[in-house]
């Protein structure tokens, strides 16, 4: 069973790489680029903050007060 899990993870990484490269190539003529690195995409970090915490963080960074 571990072999199947490893193969699925490998296929997911390959697909993510292909999508990343394809999208990057599509953006080149428009002088654009993907903001996130491939590493960031494949090693995604889960944000455990609540919606209220995120709003407060943004407001503090922007210097906004309610």
N, C-alpha and C. Protein backbone atom coordinates (compact mmCIF):
# COMPACT_ATOMS: atom_id res chain seq x y z
N UNK A 1 0.82 -1.20 0.00
CA UNK A 1 0.00 0.00 0.00
C UNK A 1 0.87 1.27 0.00
N UNK A 2 1.99 1.19 0.69
CA UNK A 2 2.89 2.35 0.74
C UNK A 2 3.42 2.69 -0.65
N UNK A 3 3.62 1.68 -1.48
CA UNK A 3 4.10 1.91 -2.84
C UNK A 3 3.08 2.74 -3.63
N UNK A 4 1.81 2.39 -3.48
CA UNK A 4 0.76 3.11 -4.19
C UNK A 4 0.71 4.57 -3.73
N UNK A 5 0.83 4.80 -2.43
CA UNK A 5 0.83 6.16 -1.90
C UNK A 5 2.02 6.96 -2.43
N UNK A 6 3.18 6.31 -2.48
CA UNK A 6 4.38 6.98 -2.99
C UNK A 6 4.23 7.32 -4.47
N UNK A 7 3.65 6.42 -5.24
CA UNK A 7 3.43 6.69 -6.66
C UNK A 7 2.44 7.84 -6.88
N UNK A 8 1.39 7.88 -6.06
CA UNK A 8 0.43 8.96 -6.17
C UNK A 8 1.06 10.31 -5.83
N UNK A 9 1.89 10.34 -4.80
CA UNK A 9 2.59 11.58 -4.43
C UNK A 9 3.52 12.01 -5.55
N UNK A 10 4.22 11.05 -6.16
CA UNK A 10 5.13 11.37 -7.26
C UNK A 10 4.36 11.92 -8.46
N UNK A 11 3.23 11.33 -8.77
CA UNK A 11 2.41 11.81 -9.88
C UNK A 11 1.87 13.21 -9.60
N UNK A 12 1.49 13.46 -8.36
CA UNK A 12 1.01 14.80 -7.99
C UNK A 12 2.12 15.84 -8.15
N UNK A 13 3.34 15.50 -7.73
CA UNK A 13 4.48 16.43 -7.88
C UNK A 13 4.77 16.68 -9.36
N UNK A 14 4.74 15.62 -10.16
CA UNK A 14 4.99 15.77 -11.59
C UNK A 14 3.93 16.66 -12.25
N UNK A 15 2.68 16.43 -11.89
CA UNK A 15 1.61 17.23 -12.47
C UNK A 15 1.73 18.69 -12.05
N UNK A 16 2.06 18.93 -10.79
CA UNK A 16 2.24 20.31 -10.31
C UNK A 16 3.38 20.98 -11.07
N UNK A 17 4.47 20.25 -11.31
CA UNK A 17 5.61 20.81 -12.04
C UNK A 17 5.20 21.16 -13.48
N UNK A 18 4.50 20.26 -14.11
CA UNK A 18 4.08 20.50 -15.50
C UNK A 18 3.14 21.70 -15.59
N UNK A 19 2.22 21.80 -14.67
CA UNK A 19 1.31 22.94 -14.65
C UNK A 19 2.08 24.23 -14.41
N UNK A 20 3.04 24.20 -13.48
CA UNK A 20 3.85 25.38 -13.16
C UNK A 20 4.63 25.85 -14.39
N UNK A 21 5.27 24.91 -15.06
CA UNK A 21 6.08 25.26 -16.23
C UNK A 21 5.18 25.77 -17.36
N UNK A 22 4.07 25.09 -17.59
CA UNK A 22 3.15 25.51 -18.64
C UNK A 22 2.63 26.91 -18.39
N UNK A 23 2.21 27.17 -17.18
CA UNK A 23 1.68 28.51 -16.85
C UNK A 23 2.78 29.57 -16.97
N UNK A 24 3.99 29.23 -16.55
CA UNK A 24 5.10 30.17 -16.68
C UNK A 24 5.36 30.51 -18.14
N UNK A 25 5.33 29.50 -18.99
CA UNK A 25 5.56 29.74 -20.42
C UNK A 25 4.43 30.55 -21.04
N UNK A 26 3.21 30.37 -20.55
CA UNK A 26 2.09 31.16 -21.06
C UNK A 26 2.23 32.63 -20.67
N UNK A 27 2.83 32.91 -19.54
CA UNK A 27 2.93 34.29 -19.06
C UNK A 27 4.11 35.05 -19.66
N UNK A 28 5.08 34.36 -20.21
CA UNK A 28 6.27 35.02 -20.76
C UNK A 28 5.93 36.07 -21.82
N UNK A 29 5.08 35.78 -22.81
CA UNK A 29 4.78 36.81 -23.83
C UNK A 29 4.10 38.05 -23.24
N UNK A 30 3.48 37.90 -22.09
CA UNK A 30 2.79 39.03 -21.47
C UNK A 30 3.69 39.74 -20.46
N UNK A 31 4.96 39.38 -20.44
CA UNK A 31 5.94 39.91 -19.47
C UNK A 31 5.47 39.67 -18.04
N UNK A 32 4.89 38.53 -17.82
CA UNK A 32 4.41 38.18 -16.49
C UNK A 32 5.16 36.99 -15.94
N UNK A 33 4.90 36.72 -14.68
CA UNK A 33 5.49 35.56 -14.04
C UNK A 33 4.63 35.14 -12.86
N UNK A 34 4.81 33.91 -12.44
CA UNK A 34 4.06 33.38 -11.31
C UNK A 34 4.69 33.94 -10.03
N UNK A 35 3.86 34.45 -9.14
CA UNK A 35 4.35 35.09 -7.92
C UNK A 35 4.99 34.08 -6.96
N UNK A 36 4.41 32.90 -6.87
CA UNK A 36 4.93 31.89 -5.95
C UNK A 36 5.99 31.04 -6.65
N UNK A 37 6.96 30.58 -5.88
CA UNK A 37 7.95 29.69 -6.43
C UNK A 37 7.38 28.28 -6.49
N UNK A 38 8.03 27.43 -7.26
CA UNK A 38 7.58 26.04 -7.35
C UNK A 38 7.65 25.37 -5.98
N UNK A 39 8.68 25.70 -5.21
CA UNK A 39 8.82 25.14 -3.86
C UNK A 39 7.64 25.53 -2.99
N UNK A 40 7.25 26.79 -3.05
CA UNK A 40 6.12 27.25 -2.24
C UNK A 40 4.83 26.52 -2.62
N UNK A 41 4.67 26.25 -3.88
CA UNK A 41 3.47 25.57 -4.33
C UNK A 41 3.47 24.11 -3.87
N UNK A 42 4.59 23.44 -3.98
CA UNK A 42 4.64 22.03 -3.61
C UNK A 42 4.72 21.81 -2.11
N UNK A 43 5.20 22.78 -1.39
CA UNK A 43 5.29 22.66 0.07
C UNK A 43 4.36 23.68 0.70
N UNK A 44 3.10 23.60 0.28
CA UNK A 44 2.13 24.59 0.72
C UNK A 44 1.97 24.57 2.24
N UNK A 45 1.87 25.73 2.78
CA UNK A 45 1.71 25.89 4.22
C UNK A 45 0.23 26.17 4.49
N UNK A 46 -0.31 25.46 5.43
CA UNK A 46 -1.71 25.63 5.77
C UNK A 46 -1.84 26.74 6.79
N UNK A 47 -2.65 27.72 6.47
CA UNK A 47 -2.89 28.84 7.37
C UNK A 47 -4.01 28.44 8.34
N UNK A 48 -3.67 28.36 9.61
CA UNK A 48 -4.65 27.90 10.61
C UNK A 48 -5.36 29.06 11.29
N UNK A 49 -5.10 30.29 10.83
CA UNK A 49 -5.76 31.44 11.43
C UNK A 49 -7.22 31.48 11.03
N UNK A 50 -8.02 32.08 11.91
CA UNK A 50 -9.42 32.28 11.58
C UNK A 50 -9.55 33.49 10.66
N UNK A 51 -10.71 33.68 10.10
CA UNK A 51 -10.95 34.83 9.23
C UNK A 51 -10.76 36.14 9.97
N UNK A 52 -11.21 36.17 11.22
CA UNK A 52 -11.05 37.40 12.03
C UNK A 52 -9.58 37.71 12.27
N UNK A 53 -8.78 36.66 12.53
CA UNK A 53 -7.35 36.87 12.75
C UNK A 53 -6.67 37.43 11.50
N UNK A 54 -7.07 36.93 10.35
CA UNK A 54 -6.49 37.40 9.09
C UNK A 54 -6.85 38.87 8.85
N UNK A 55 -8.12 39.21 9.10
CA UNK A 55 -8.57 40.60 8.92
C UNK A 55 -7.80 41.52 9.87
N UNK A 56 -7.65 41.12 11.11
CA UNK A 56 -6.91 41.95 12.08
C UNK A 56 -5.46 42.13 11.65
N UNK A 57 -4.85 41.06 11.15
CA UNK A 57 -3.46 41.14 10.69
C UNK A 57 -3.32 42.11 9.54
N UNK A 58 -4.24 42.03 8.57
CA UNK A 58 -4.19 42.94 7.42
C UNK A 58 -4.40 44.38 7.86
N UNK A 59 -5.33 44.59 8.76
CA UNK A 59 -5.60 45.94 9.23
C UNK A 59 -4.39 46.52 9.97
N UNK A 60 -3.72 45.70 10.77
CA UNK A 60 -2.55 46.17 11.49
C UNK A 60 -1.42 46.51 10.52
N UNK A 61 -1.21 45.67 9.51
CA UNK A 61 -0.15 45.92 8.53
C UNK A 61 -0.41 47.20 7.74
N UNK A 62 -1.68 47.45 7.46
CA UNK A 62 -2.05 48.62 6.68
C UNK A 62 -2.17 49.87 7.55
N UNK A 63 -2.13 49.69 8.88
CA UNK A 63 -2.24 50.82 9.78
C UNK A 63 -3.67 51.34 9.93
N UNK A 64 -4.64 50.48 9.65
CA UNK A 64 -6.03 50.87 9.72
C UNK A 64 -6.56 50.68 11.14
N UNK A 65 -7.50 51.53 11.51
CA UNK A 65 -8.13 51.42 12.82
C UNK A 65 -9.63 51.50 12.63
N UNK A 66 -10.34 50.77 13.46
CA UNK A 66 -11.80 50.78 13.38
C UNK A 66 -12.36 51.60 14.51
